[in-house]
C-alpha atoms as a PDB file:
ATOM      1  CA  MET A   1      47.154  89.787 112.866  1.00  0.00           C
ATOM      2  CA  SER A   2      49.448  89.265 109.890  1.00  0.00           C
ATOM      3  CA  ARG A   3      47.694  87.967 106.691  1.00  0.00           C
ATOM      4  CA  MET A   4      48.900  84.317 105.596  1.00  0.00           C
ATOM      5  CA  SER A   5      51.709  84.212 102.987  1.00  0.00           C
ATOM      6  CA  VAL A   6      51.872  82.065  99.932  1.00  0.00           C
ATOM      7  CA  ASP A   7      54.582  80.612 101.263  1.00  0.00           C
ATOM      8  CA  GLU A   8      52.626  79.646 104.337  1.00  0.00           C
ATOM      9  CA  ALA A   9      49.576  78.098 102.265  1.00  0.00           C
ATOM     10  CA  VAL A  10      51.619  76.318  99.839  1.00  0.00           C
ATOM     11  CA  HIS A  11      53.291  75.007 103.411  1.00  0.00           C
ATOM     12  CA  LEU A  12      50.219  73.774 104.963  1.00  0.00           C
ATOM     13  CA  ILE A  13      48.416  72.380 101.533  1.00  0.00           C
ATOM     14  CA  GLN A  14      51.660  70.033 101.458  1.00  0.00           C
ATOM     15  CA  ASN A  15      52.368  69.427 104.880  1.00  0.00           C
ATOM     16  CA  ALA A  16      49.496  69.788 107.655  1.00  0.00           C
ATOM     17  CA  GLU A  17      47.879  67.469 108.976  1.00  0.00           C
ATOM     18  CA  LEU A  18      43.825  67.249 107.670  1.00  0.00           C
ATOM     19  CA  LYS A  19      42.631  67.067 110.668  1.00  0.00           C
ATOM     20  CA  GLU A  20      44.723  70.177 112.390  1.00  0.00           C
ATOM     21  CA  LEU A  21      43.529  71.802 108.892  1.00  0.00           C
ATOM     22  CA  GLY A  22      39.787  71.184 109.639  1.00  0.00           C
ATOM     23  CA  LYS A  23      40.091  72.609 112.759  1.00  0.00           C
ATOM     24  CA  MET A  24      41.524  75.371 112.376  1.00  0.00           C
ATOM     25  CA  ALA A  25      39.457  76.264 109.017  1.00  0.00           C
ATOM     26  CA  TYR A  26      36.253  75.493 111.131  1.00  0.00           C
ATOM     27  CA  LYS A  27      37.397  78.272 113.633  1.00  0.00           C
ATOM     28  CA  ARG A  28      37.739  80.611 111.138  1.00  0.00           C
ATOM     29  CA  LYS A  29      34.611  79.637 109.767  1.00  0.00           C
ATOM     30  CA  LYS A  30      32.981  79.765 113.310  1.00  0.00           C
ATOM     31  CA  GLU A  31      34.288  83.473 113.479  1.00  0.00           C
ATOM     32  CA  LEU A  32      33.073  84.759 110.576  1.00  0.00           C
ATOM     33  CA  HIS A  33      29.519  83.051 110.912  1.00  0.00           C
ATOM     34  CA  PRO A  34      29.201  82.932 114.438  1.00  0.00           C
ATOM     35  CA  LYS A  35      25.390  81.465 114.516  1.00  0.00           C
ATOM     36  CA  GLY A  36      25.650  78.504 112.715  1.00  0.00           C
ATOM     37  CA  VAL A  37      23.521  78.776 109.903  1.00  0.00           C
ATOM     38  CA  THR A  38      24.296  77.328 106.995  1.00  0.00           C
ATOM     39  CA  THR A  39      22.724  78.289 103.893  1.00  0.00           C
ATOM     40  CA  PHE A  40      21.810  77.414  99.985  1.00  0.00           C
ATOM     41  CA  VAL A  41      19.881  78.562  97.423  1.00  0.00           C
ATOM     42  CA  VAL A  42      17.033  77.204  95.063  1.00  0.00           C
ATOM     43  CA  ASP A  43      17.802  78.540  91.793  1.00  0.00           C
ATOM     44  CA  ARG A  44      18.340  76.492  88.298  1.00  0.00           C
ATOM     45  CA  ASN A  45      21.425  76.567  85.673  1.00  0.00           C
ATOM     46  CA  ILE A  46      20.056  77.554  82.239  1.00  0.00           C
ATOM     47  CA  ASN A  47      22.440  76.739  79.343  1.00  0.00           C
ATOM     48  CA  TYR A  48      21.089  79.175  76.774  1.00  0.00           C
ATOM     49  CA  THR A  49      23.379  77.275  74.213  1.00  0.00           C
ATOM     50  CA  ASN A  50      26.072  75.004  74.212  1.00  0.00           C
ATOM     51  CA  VAL A  51      27.708  76.315  71.336  1.00  0.00           C
ATOM     52  CA  CYS A  52      31.709  77.525  71.591  1.00  0.00           C
ATOM     53  CA  TRP A  53      34.366  77.944  69.679  1.00  0.00           C
ATOM     54  CA  VAL A  54      37.028  78.329  72.718  1.00  0.00           C
ATOM     55  CA  ASP A  55      37.592  74.287  72.811  1.00  0.00           C
ATOM     56  CA  CYS A  56      38.129  73.947  75.844  1.00  0.00           C
ATOM     57  CA  LYS A  57      39.990  70.715  76.701  1.00  0.00           C
ATOM     58  CA  PHE A  58      38.535  70.359  80.052  1.00  0.00           C
ATOM     59  CA  CYS A  59      34.682  70.398  78.906  1.00  0.00           C
ATOM     60  CA  ALA A  60      32.531  67.962  77.593  1.00  0.00           C
ATOM     61  CA  PHE A  61      29.540  69.823  77.377  1.00  0.00           C
ATOM     62  CA  TYR A  62      30.308  72.198  74.043  1.00  0.00           C
ATOM     63  CA  ARG A  63      29.062  71.721  70.662  1.00  0.00           C
ATOM     64  CA  HIS A  64      30.238  73.059  67.513  1.00  0.00           C
ATOM     65  CA  GLU A  65      27.590  75.286  65.336  1.00  0.00           C
ATOM     66  CA  LYS A  66      27.234  72.401  62.558  1.00  0.00           C
ATOM     67  CA  ASN A  67      27.145  69.562  65.226  1.00  0.00           C
ATOM     68  CA  ASP A  68      23.573  67.974  64.994  1.00  0.00           C
ATOM     69  CA  ASP A  69      22.763  68.540  68.771  1.00  0.00           C
ATOM     70  CA  ALA A  70      24.347  71.976  68.805  1.00  0.00           C
ATOM     71  CA  TYR A  71      21.249  74.173  70.213  1.00  0.00           C
ATOM     72  CA  ILE A  72      20.414  77.902  71.416  1.00  0.00           C
ATOM     73  CA  LEU A  73      17.307  77.652  73.330  1.00  0.00           C
ATOM     74  CA  SER A  74      14.469  79.908  72.292  1.00  0.00           C
ATOM     75  CA  PHE A  75      12.711  82.543  74.758  1.00  0.00           C
ATOM     76  CA  ASP A  76       9.672  80.233  75.128  1.00  0.00           C
ATOM     77  CA  GLU A  77      12.039  77.611  75.964  1.00  0.00           C
ATOM     78  CA  ILE A  78      13.645  79.797  78.968  1.00  0.00           C
ATOM     79  CA  ASP A  79      10.334  80.834  79.984  1.00  0.00           C
ATOM     80  CA  ALA A  80       9.281  77.198  80.467  1.00  0.00           C
ATOM     81  CA  LYS A  81      12.335  76.436  82.478  1.00  0.00           C
ATOM     82  CA  ILE A  82      11.845  79.503  84.778  1.00  0.00           C
ATOM     83  CA  GLU A  83       7.732  78.724  85.409  1.00  0.00           C
ATOM     84  CA  GLU A  84       9.593  75.053  86.424  1.00  0.00           C
ATOM     85  CA  LEU A  85      11.629  77.058  89.058  1.00  0.00           C
ATOM     86  CA  LEU A  86       9.303  79.295  90.213  1.00  0.00           C
ATOM     87  CA  GLU A  87       6.818  76.076  91.174  1.00  0.00           C
ATOM     88  CA  ILE A  88       9.570  75.176  93.540  1.00  0.00           C
ATOM     89  CA  GLY A  89      10.175  78.226  95.189  1.00  0.00           C
ATOM     90  CA  GLY A  90      13.697  79.001  93.053  1.00  0.00           C
ATOM     91  CA  THR A  91      14.769  82.582  93.312  1.00  0.00           C
ATOM     92  CA  GLN A  92      17.910  82.750  91.217  1.00  0.00           C
ATOM     93  CA  ILE A  93      18.900  81.367  87.512  1.00  0.00           C
ATOM     94  CA  LEU A  94      22.323  80.527  87.305  1.00  0.00           C
ATOM     95  CA  PHE A  95      22.812  81.920  83.179  1.00  0.00           C
ATOM     96  CA  GLN A  96      25.542  81.064  80.778  1.00  0.00           C
ATOM     97  CA  GLY A  97      26.270  78.928  77.835  1.00  0.00           C
ATOM     98  CA  GLY A  98      28.989  78.454  75.399  1.00  0.00           C
ATOM     99  CA  VAL A  99      30.694  81.140  73.792  1.00  0.00           C
ATOM    100  CA  HIS A 100      29.001  81.616  70.519  1.00  0.00           C
ATOM    101  CA  PRO A 101      30.771  82.422  67.950  1.00  0.00           C
ATOM    102  CA  LYS A 102      27.801  84.832  66.116  1.00  0.00           C
ATOM    103  CA  LEU A 103      25.469  86.257  68.952  1.00  0.00           C
ATOM    104  CA  GLU A 104      26.396  89.925  70.005  1.00  0.00           C
ATOM    105  CA  ILE A 105      25.313  92.535  72.393  1.00  0.00           C
ATOM    106  CA  GLU A 106      21.648  93.329  71.022  1.00  0.00           C
ATOM    107  CA  TRP A 107      20.871  89.398  71.092  1.00  0.00           C
ATOM    108  CA  TYR A 108      22.025  89.363  75.116  1.00  0.00           C
ATOM    109  CA  GLU A 109      19.880  92.929  76.093  1.00  0.00           C
ATOM    110  CA  ASP A 110      16.702  91.388  74.167  1.00  0.00           C
ATOM    111  CA  LEU A 111      17.070  88.315  76.628  1.00  0.00           C
ATOM    112  CA  VAL A 112      18.258  90.123  79.746  1.00  0.00           C
ATOM    113  CA  GLU A 113      15.395  92.147  79.608  1.00  0.00           C
ATOM    114  CA  HIS A 114      12.796  89.316  78.352  1.00  0.00           C
ATOM    115  CA  ILE A 115      13.508  87.476  81.589  1.00  0.00           C
ATOM    116  CA  HIS A 116      13.722  90.821  83.781  1.00  0.00           C
ATOM    117  CA  LYS A 117      10.562  91.983  82.792  1.00  0.00           C
ATOM    118  CA  LYS A 118       8.593  88.613  82.619  1.00  0.00           C
ATOM    119  CA  TYR A 119       9.981  87.302  85.916  1.00  0.00           C
ATOM    120  CA  PRO A 120      10.960  90.299  87.989  1.00  0.00           C
ATOM    121  CA  GLN A 121      11.268  88.224  91.354  1.00  0.00           C
ATOM    122  CA  ILE A 122      14.044  86.239  89.803  1.00  0.00           C
ATOM    123  CA  THR A 123      17.351  86.868  90.114  1.00  0.00           C
ATOM    124  CA  ILE A 124      19.755  86.504  86.808  1.00  0.00           C
ATOM    125  CA  HIS A 125      23.049  85.730  87.683  1.00  0.00           C
ATOM    126  CA  GLY A 126      24.654  85.379  84.469  1.00  0.00           C
ATOM    127  CA  PHE A 127      27.507  85.223  81.825  1.00  0.00           C
ATOM    128  CA  SER A 128      31.286  84.393  82.927  1.00  0.00           C
ATOM    129  CA  ALA A 129      33.541  86.890  81.959  1.00  0.00           C
ATOM    130  CA  ILE A 130      34.503  84.981  79.340  1.00  0.00           C
ATOM    131  CA  GLU A 131      31.319  85.399  77.621  1.00  0.00           C
ATOM    132  CA  ILE A 132      31.339  88.904  78.084  1.00  0.00           C
ATOM    133  CA  ASP A 133      34.838  89.641  76.953  1.00  0.00           C
ATOM    134  CA  TYR A 134      33.963  87.744  73.987  1.00  0.00           C
ATOM    135  CA  ILE A 135      30.425  89.428  73.596  1.00  0.00           C
ATOM    136  CA  ALA A 136      32.407  92.848  73.836  1.00  0.00           C
ATOM    137  CA  ARG A 137      34.857  92.116  70.903  1.00  0.00           C
ATOM    138  CA  ARG A 138      32.048  90.238  68.385  1.00  0.00           C
ATOM    139  CA  SER A 139      30.253  93.554  68.906  1.00  0.00           C
ATOM    140  CA  ASN A 140      33.370  96.208  69.162  1.00  0.00           C
ATOM    141  CA  ILE A 141      32.441  97.799  72.475  1.00  0.00           C
ATOM    142  CA  THR A 142      34.127  97.446  75.929  1.00  0.00           C
ATOM    143  CA  ILE A 143      34.028  94.940  78.891  1.00  0.00           C
ATOM    144  CA  LYS A 144      32.646  98.189  80.501  1.00  0.00           C
ATOM    145  CA  GLU A 145      30.013  98.622  78.540  1.00  0.00           C
ATOM    146  CA  VAL A 146      28.880  95.415  77.955  1.00  0.00           C
ATOM    147  CA  LEU A 147      28.524  94.855  81.735  1.00  0.00           C
ATOM    148  CA  GLN A 148      26.746  98.574  81.907  1.00  0.00           C
ATOM    149  CA  ARG A 149      24.141  97.430  79.000  1.00  0.00           C
ATOM    150  CA  LEU A 150      23.430  94.152  80.302  1.00  0.00           C
ATOM    151  CA  HIS A 151      23.131  95.723  84.194  1.00  0.00           C
ATOM    152  CA  ALA A 152      20.478  98.456  82.606  1.00  0.00           C
ATOM    153  CA  LYS A 153      18.238  95.143  81.458  1.00  0.00           C
ATOM    154  CA  GLY A 154      18.228  93.359  84.714  1.00  0.00           C
ATOM    155  CA  LEU A 155      21.489  91.349  85.050  1.00  0.00           C
ATOM    156  CA  ALA A 156      21.964  91.551  88.722  1.00  0.00           C
ATOM    157  CA  SER A 157      25.454  89.588  88.894  1.00  0.00           C
ATOM    158  CA  ILE A 158      27.988  87.794  87.382  1.00  0.00           C
ATOM    159  CA  PRO A 159      29.216  84.034  87.980  1.00  0.00           C
ATOM    160  CA  GLY A 160      32.790  82.966  88.632  1.00  0.00           C
ATOM    161  CA  ALA A 161      33.173  80.222  85.939  1.00  0.00           C
ATOM    162  CA  GLY A 162      36.091  80.547  83.474  1.00  0.00           C
ATOM    163  CA  ALA A 163      38.689  81.261  86.484  1.00  0.00           C
ATOM    164  CA  GLU A 164      40.133  77.578  85.955  1.00  0.00           C
ATOM    165  CA  ILE A 165      43.282  78.387  87.356  1.00  0.00           C
ATOM    166  CA  LEU A 166      44.292  81.855  87.307  1.00  0.00           C
ATOM    167  CA  SER A 167      48.234  80.369  85.587  1.00  0.00           C
ATOM    168  CA  ASP A 168      48.523  81.430  82.058  1.00  0.00           C
ATOM    169  CA  ARG A 169      50.953  78.836  81.823  1.00  0.00           C
ATOM    170  CA  VAL A 170      48.170  76.275  82.966  1.00  0.00           C
ATOM    171  CA  ARG A 171      45.637  77.884  80.749  1.00  0.00           C
ATOM    172  CA  ASP A 172      47.862  78.373  77.685  1.00  0.00           C
ATOM    173  CA  ILE A 173      47.628  73.791  77.984  1.00  0.00           C
ATOM    174  CA  ILE A 174      44.153  73.306  79.312  1.00  0.00           C
ATOM    175  CA  ALA A 175      42.390  76.220  77.147  1.00  0.00           C
ATOM    176  CA  PRO A 176      44.614  77.873  75.099  1.00  0.00           C
ATOM    177  CA  LYS A 177      41.753  79.546  73.500  1.00  0.00           C
ATOM    178  CA  LYS A 178      40.053  81.215  76.601  1.00  0.00           C
ATOM    179  CA  LEU A 179      41.240  84.462  77.959  1.00  0.00           C
ATOM    180  CA  ASP A 180      44.303  84.767  80.073  1.00  0.00           C
ATOM    181  CA  LYS A 181      44.169  85.577  83.971  1.00  0.00           C
ATOM    182  CA  ASP A 182      44.606  89.449  83.935  1.00  0.00           C
ATOM    183  CA  THR A 183      41.382  89.928  81.414  1.00  0.00           C
ATOM    184  CA  TRP A 184      39.220  87.347  83.709  1.00  0.00           C
ATOM    185  CA  LEU A 185      40.364  89.702  86.765  1.00  0.00           C
ATOM    186  CA  GLN A 186      39.630  92.804  84.694  1.00  0.00           C
ATOM    187  CA  VAL A 187      35.788  92.067  83.329  1.00  0.00           C
ATOM    188  CA  HIS A 188      35.561  91.251  87.680  1.00  0.00           C
ATOM    189  CA  GLU A 189      36.865  94.492  88.543  1.00  0.00           C
ATOM    190  CA  GLU A 190      35.185  96.414  85.795  1.00  0.00           C
ATOM    191  CA  ALA A 191      31.892  94.420  86.883  1.00  0.00           C
ATOM    192  CA  HIS A 192      32.547  95.280  90.768  1.00  0.00           C
ATOM    193  CA  LYS A 193      32.952  99.074  90.261  1.00  0.00           C
ATOM    194  CA  LEU A 194      30.115  99.106  88.645  1.00  0.00           C
ATOM    195  CA  GLY A 195      27.812  97.572  91.346  1.00  0.00           C
ATOM    196  CA  ILE A 196      27.672  94.544  90.280  1.00  0.00           C
ATOM    197  CA  LYS A 197      28.816  91.840  92.632  1.00  0.00           C
ATOM    198  CA  SER A 198      30.358  88.355  91.534  1.00  0.00           C
ATOM    199  CA  THR A 199      31.910  84.748  93.201  1.00  0.00           C
ATOM    200  CA  ALA A 200      34.988  83.303  92.443  1.00  0.00           C
ATOM    201  CA  THR A 201      35.879  80.261  90.842  1.00  0.00           C
ATOM    202  CA  MET A 202      38.342  77.820  90.609  1.00  0.00           C
ATOM    203  CA  MET A 203      38.665  74.189  89.471  1.00  0.00           C
ATOM    204  CA  PHE A 204      41.975  72.305  90.371  1.00  0.00           C
ATOM    205  CA  GLY A 205      43.082  69.054  89.639  1.00  0.00           C
ATOM    206  CA  THR A 206      44.390  69.445  86.097  1.00  0.00           C
ATOM    207  CA  ILE A 207      48.029  70.150  85.648  1.00  0.00           C
ATOM    208  CA  GLU A 208      48.627  72.900  88.022  1.00  0.00           C
ATOM    209  CA  THR A 209      51.200  73.115  90.823  1.00  0.00           C
ATOM    210  CA  ASP A 210      50.072  73.422  94.779  1.00  0.00           C
ATOM    211  CA  ARG A 211      51.721  77.274  94.170  1.00  0.00           C
ATOM    212  CA  GLU A 212      49.427  77.884  91.717  1.00  0.00           C
ATOM    213  CA  ILE A 213      46.778  76.854  93.207  1.00  0.00           C
ATOM    214  CA  VAL A 214      47.803  79.335  96.120  1.00  0.00           C
ATOM    215  CA  GLU A 215      49.136  82.344  93.707  1.00  0.00           C
ATOM    216  CA  HIS A 216      45.318  81.772  92.521  1.00  0.00           C
ATOM    217  CA  PHE A 217      43.883  82.457  95.972  1.00  0.00           C
ATOM    218  CA  LYS A 218      46.227  85.584  96.248  1.00  0.00           C
ATOM    219  CA  HIS A 219      45.070  86.861  92.755  1.00  0.00           C
ATOM    220  CA  ILE A 220      41.451  86.730  93.714  1.00  0.00           C
ATOM    221  CA  ARG A 221      41.956  88.040  97.409  1.00  0.00           C
ATOM    222  CA  ASP A 222      43.989  90.914  96.291  1.00  0.00           C
ATOM    223  CA  LEU A 223      40.797  91.571  93.912  1.00  0.00           C
ATOM    224  CA  GLN A 224      38.611  91.721  96.870  1.00  0.00           C
ATOM    225  CA  ASP A 225      41.053  94.116  98.846  1.00  0.00           C
ATOM    226  CA  ARG A 226      40.611  96.478  95.790  1.00  0.00           C
ATOM    227  CA  THR A 227      36.857  95.987  95.363  1.00  0.00           C
ATOM    228  CA  GLY A 228      35.046  94.316  98.030  1.00  0.00           C
ATOM    229  CA  GLY A 229      33.069  92.677  95.391  1.00  0.00           C
ATOM    230  CA  PHE A 230      32.766  88.854  95.394  1.00  0.00           C
ATOM    231  CA  ARG A 231      30.229  87.138  97.310  1.00  0.00           C
ATOM    232  CA  ALA A 232      31.639  83.797  97.696  1.00  0.00           C
ATOM    233  CA  PHE A 233      34.454  81.874  96.320  1.00  0.00           C
ATOM    234  CA  ILE A 234      33.119  78.227  95.199  1.00  0.00           C
ATOM    235  CA  MET A 235      35.981  75.410  94.008  1.00  0.00           C
ATOM    236  CA  TRP A 236      35.641  72.202  92.347  1.00  0.00           C
ATOM    237  CA  SER A 237      37.787  69.328  91.239  1.00  0.00           C
ATOM    238  CA  PHE A 238      38.115  68.463  87.322  1.00  0.00           C
ATOM    239  CA  GLN A 239      35.699  65.913  86.494  1.00  0.00           C
ATOM    240  CA  GLY A 240      37.376  64.114  83.066  1.00  0.00           C
ATOM    241  CA  LYS A 241      35.225  61.672  81.696  1.00  0.00           C
ATOM    242  CA  ASN A 242      34.503  62.451  78.152  1.00  0.00           C
ATOM    243  CA  THR A 243      36.984  65.374  78.076  1.00  0.00           C
ATOM    244  CA  GLN A 244      40.101  66.037  75.304  1.00  0.00           C
ATOM    245  CA  LEU A 245      42.307  66.838  78.044  1.00  0.00           C
ATOM    246  CA  MET A 246      42.204  63.128  79.715  1.00  0.00           C
ATOM    247  CA  GLU A 247      43.063  62.045  76.253  1.00  0.00           C
ATOM    248  CA  GLU A 248      45.780  64.119  75.854  1.00  0.00           C
ATOM    249  CA  ILE A 249      47.346  63.854  79.429  1.00  0.00           C
ATOM    250  CA  PRO A 250      45.750  60.473  80.924  1.00  0.00           C
ATOM    251  CA  THR A 251      48.399  60.621  84.004  1.00  0.00           C
ATOM    252  CA  ILE A 252      45.836  63.027  85.409  1.00  0.00           C
ATOM    253  CA  SER A 253      44.316  61.038  88.003  1.00  0.00           C
ATOM    254  CA  LYS A 254      40.893  61.819  89.789  1.00  0.00           C
ATOM    255  CA  GLN A 255      41.206  63.963  93.020  1.00  0.00           C
ATOM    256  CA  SER A 256      40.299  62.687  96.361  1.00  0.00           C
ATOM    257  CA  ALA A 257      38.250  63.924  99.005  1.00  0.00           C
ATOM    258  CA  ASN A 258      41.145  64.388 101.195  1.00  0.00           C
ATOM    259  CA  ARG A 259      42.428  66.662  98.965  1.00  0.00           C
ATOM    260  CA  TYR A 260      39.290  68.679  97.676  1.00  0.00           C
ATOM    261  CA  LEU A 261      38.926  69.096 101.967  1.00  0.00           C
ATOM    262  CA  ARG A 262      42.629  70.612 102.035  1.00  0.00           C
ATOM    263  CA  LEU A 263      42.483  73.036  99.826  1.00  0.00           C
ATOM    264  CA  LEU A 264      39.106  74.279 100.693  1.00  0.00           C
ATOM    265  CA  ALA A 265      40.506  74.507 104.332  1.00  0.00           C
ATOM    266  CA  VAL A 266      43.444  76.820 103.293  1.00  0.00           C
ATOM    267  CA  ALA A 267      40.997  78.622 100.891  1.00  0.00           C
ATOM    268  CA  ARG A 268      39.021  79.305 104.013  1.00  0.00           C
ATOM    269  CA  LEU A 269      42.510  80.487 105.638  1.00  0.00           C
ATOM    270  CA  PHE A 270      43.740  82.473 103.096  1.00  0.00           C
ATOM    271  CA  LEU A 271      40.994  84.159 101.414  1.00  0.00           C
ATOM    272  CA  ASP A 272      40.384  86.379 104.615  1.00  0.00           C
ATOM    273  CA  ASN A 273      38.432  88.937 103.239  1.00  0.00           C
ATOM    274  CA  ILE A 274      35.621  87.030 101.590  1.00  0.00           C
ATOM    275  CA  PRO A 275      32.818  86.216 103.756  1.00  0.00           C
ATOM    276  CA  ASN A 276      31.236  82.933 102.201  1.00  0.00           C
ATOM    277  CA  ILE A 277      32.665  79.637 100.829  1.00  0.00           C
ATOM    278  CA  GLN A 278      30.143  77.267  99.102  1.00  0.00           C
ATOM    279  CA  SER A 279      30.892  73.597  99.354  1.00  0.00           C
ATOM    280  CA  SER A 280      31.047  71.726  96.177  1.00  0.00           C
ATOM    281  CA  TRP A 281      29.018  68.618  96.561  1.00  0.00           C
ATOM    282  CA  VAL A 282      27.649  68.465  93.111  1.00  0.00           C
ATOM    283  CA  THR A 283      31.165  67.122  92.227  1.00  0.00           C
ATOM    284  CA  GLN A 284      31.961  65.272  95.673  1.00  0.00           C
ATOM    285  CA  GLY A 285      28.744  64.257  96.540  1.00  0.00           C
ATOM    286  CA  SER A 286      26.228  64.894  99.011  1.00  0.00           C
ATOM    287  CA  TYR A 287      28.543  63.773 102.342  1.00  0.00           C
ATOM    288  CA  ILE A 288      31.880  65.059 101.373  1.00  0.00           C
ATOM    289  CA  GLY A 289      29.790  68.138 100.565  1.00  0.00           C
ATOM    290  CA  GLN A 290      28.426  68.017 104.024  1.00  0.00           C
ATOM    291  CA  MET A 291      31.835  67.043 105.241  1.00  0.00           C
ATOM    292  CA  ALA A 292      33.120  70.406 104.062  1.00  0.00           C
ATOM    293  CA  LEU A 293      31.054  72.285 106.228  1.00  0.00           C
ATOM    294  CA  PHE A 294      33.740  71.195 108.986  1.00  0.00           C
ATOM    295  CA  PHE A 295      36.336  72.338 106.462  1.00  0.00           C
ATOM    296  CA  GLY A 296      35.744  76.357 105.986  1.00  0.00           C
ATOM    297  CA  ALA A 297      32.513  75.968 103.599  1.00  0.00           C
ATOM    298  CA  ASN A 298      29.189  77.735 105.388  1.00  0.00           C
ATOM    299  CA  ASP A 299      26.639  77.354 102.472  1.00  0.00           C
ATOM    300  CA  LEU A 300      25.944  74.437 100.143  1.00  0.00           C
ATOM    301  CA  GLY A 301      25.559  76.277  97.297  1.00  0.00           C
ATOM    302  CA  SER A 302      22.584  75.497  94.982  1.00  0.00           C
ATOM    303  CA  THR A 303      19.857  72.654  94.819  1.00  0.00           C
ATOM    304  CA  MET A 304      20.928  72.726  91.136  1.00  0.00           C
ATOM    305  CA  MET A 305      17.335  71.779  89.622  1.00  0.00           C
ATOM    306  CA  GLU A 306      19.448  71.286  86.121  1.00  0.00           C
ATOM    307  CA  GLU A 307      23.185  71.125  85.348  1.00  0.00           C
ATOM    308  CA  ASN A 308      24.883  69.979  82.303  1.00  0.00           C
ATOM    309  CA  VAL A 309      28.540  71.153  82.322  1.00  0.00           C
ATOM    310  CA  VAL A 310      30.073  68.665  84.903  1.00  0.00           C
ATOM    311  CA  SER A 311      27.550  66.049  84.393  1.00  0.00           C
ATOM    312  CA  ALA A 312      28.712  66.017  80.476  1.00  0.00           C
ATOM    313  CA  ALA A 313      31.881  65.117  82.105  1.00  0.00           C
ATOM    314  CA  GLY A 314      30.653  62.257  84.696  1.00  0.00           C
ATOM    315  CA  ALA A 315      29.239  64.252  87.910  1.00  0.00           C
ATOM    316  CA  THR A 316      25.613  63.185  88.233  1.00  0.00           C
ATOM    317  CA  ASN A 317      25.366  64.154  91.805  1.00  0.00           C
ATOM    318  CA  ARG A 318      22.068  65.646  92.171  1.00  0.00           C
ATOM    319  CA  MET A 319      20.036  67.328  95.994  1.00  0.00           C
ATOM    320  CA  ASN A 320      16.843  68.899  96.428  1.00  0.00           C
ATOM    321  CA  GLN A 321      15.805  71.301  99.368  1.00  0.00           C
ATOM    322  CA  ASP A 322      14.771  68.640 101.889  1.00  0.00           C
ATOM    323  CA  GLU A 323      18.141  67.055 101.352  1.00  0.00           C
ATOM    324  CA  MET A 324      19.981  69.612 102.185  1.00  0.00           C
ATOM    325  CA  ILE A 325      17.927  71.009 105.164  1.00  0.00           C
ATOM    326  CA  LYS A 326      18.460  67.008 106.494  1.00  0.00           C
ATOM    327  CA  LEU A 327      22.371  67.414 105.908  1.00  0.00           C
ATOM    328  CA  ILE A 328      22.834  70.453 107.315  1.00  0.00           C
ATOM    329  CA  LYS A 329      20.588  69.502 110.285  1.00  0.00           C
ATOM    330  CA  ASP A 330      22.503  66.224 111.041  1.00  0.00           C
ATOM    331  CA  ILE A 331      25.912  68.252 111.898  1.00  0.00           C
ATOM    332  CA  GLY A 332      24.218  70.192 114.152  1.00  0.00           C
ATOM    333  CA  GLU A 333      24.105  73.550 111.954  1.00  0.00           C
ATOM    334  CA  LYS A 334      21.261  76.061 110.966  1.00  0.00           C
ATOM    335  CA  PRO A 335      19.684  75.427 107.632  1.00  0.00           C
ATOM    336  CA  ALA A 336      18.325  79.007 106.031  1.00  0.00           C
ATOM    337  CA  LYS A 337      17.178  79.682 102.465  1.00  0.00           C
ATOM    338  CA  ARG A 338      19.184  82.442 100.825  1.00  0.00           C
ATOM    339  CA  ASN A 339      18.914  84.966  97.881  1.00  0.00           C
ATOM    340  CA  THR A 340      22.122  85.935  95.476  1.00  0.00           C
ATOM    341  CA  ALA A 341      23.017  88.285  97.875  1.00  0.00           C
ATOM    342  CA  TYR A 342      23.319  86.118 100.921  1.00  0.00           C
ATOM    343  CA  GLU A 343      20.574  87.499 102.460  1.00  0.00           C
ATOM    344  CA  ILE A 344      18.277  84.977 104.263  1.00  0.00           C
ATOM    345  CA  LEU A 345      14.639  84.448 103.041  1.00  0.00           C
ATOM    346  CA  GLU A 346      13.699  81.634 105.149  1.00  0.00           C
ATOM    347  CA  ARG A 347      14.897  79.354 108.046  1.00  0.00           C
ATOM    348  CA  TYR A 348      14.267  76.257 108.824  1.00  0.00           C
ATOM    349  CA  TYR A 349      14.800  75.945 112.538  1.00  0.00           C
END
């Protein structure tokens, strides 16, 4: 079977009927996951600092170092958050922050080592590509060395955050200080070569074109062909409240559920070498999150015990484990709790 081309994917986004797209994506999902199991992970986002010099225009979370509400969490504060996660059966922390201008590799090594030794049962899924790139530059070492050193201390995998749209035209407008698309891809490729798995992400709904969206998919698919290191793909829509980007470009409109499901379905069809696609209920709400399971998603993502970044931009959806199980059963699928590696820990069927 020939692979879907960029032109074919653009055509589907622009012309296919939504219901037909859903049928195609659901069929592909069933080929990859024939047992009808929908997974989720119990974890917590820990944003260790909100200090960031990158000033992304689409972000409402970051603060500058001199702001009154700027912070760096202490190890004790991080421990308290992990203890709360363990109490509800959590297995993973999504660990990332702003790009702090002064923190160097030794601080990150101490932090990862502290968590890994004290809580060996917790998987550290942490540090986005831009954090890793900046740690390297701040510490005068290579990206590879940053990854090697953090991996040695207990970093298990890295999230796909910071991909936004892998188009330098778009990035130069919405986040001009952020790393370029090639560097984002380089960080993930270096990680994969070291045996550190990662996820791939996409934030849509700012100024990108349909073709740039599909070219983003193509960059991810090409890297996956080379390394096989992406465990999952996650996409969400831009949340504009309280952001500089909405002030500068007020014509940006909120993305519809139709648009989200349409892009999700095409992602499932195009990304033929990535096994898992997460539903973004955090930005879409629980019921569109549930609907996404009919449009190619096979994973509901995280229960999101704590979330600070998109909530700062106006998305305030919440869901616990029982609600996830109910949503999955409601459409006739089988709920299961997984870990970061997509290994099933507990079945609820």
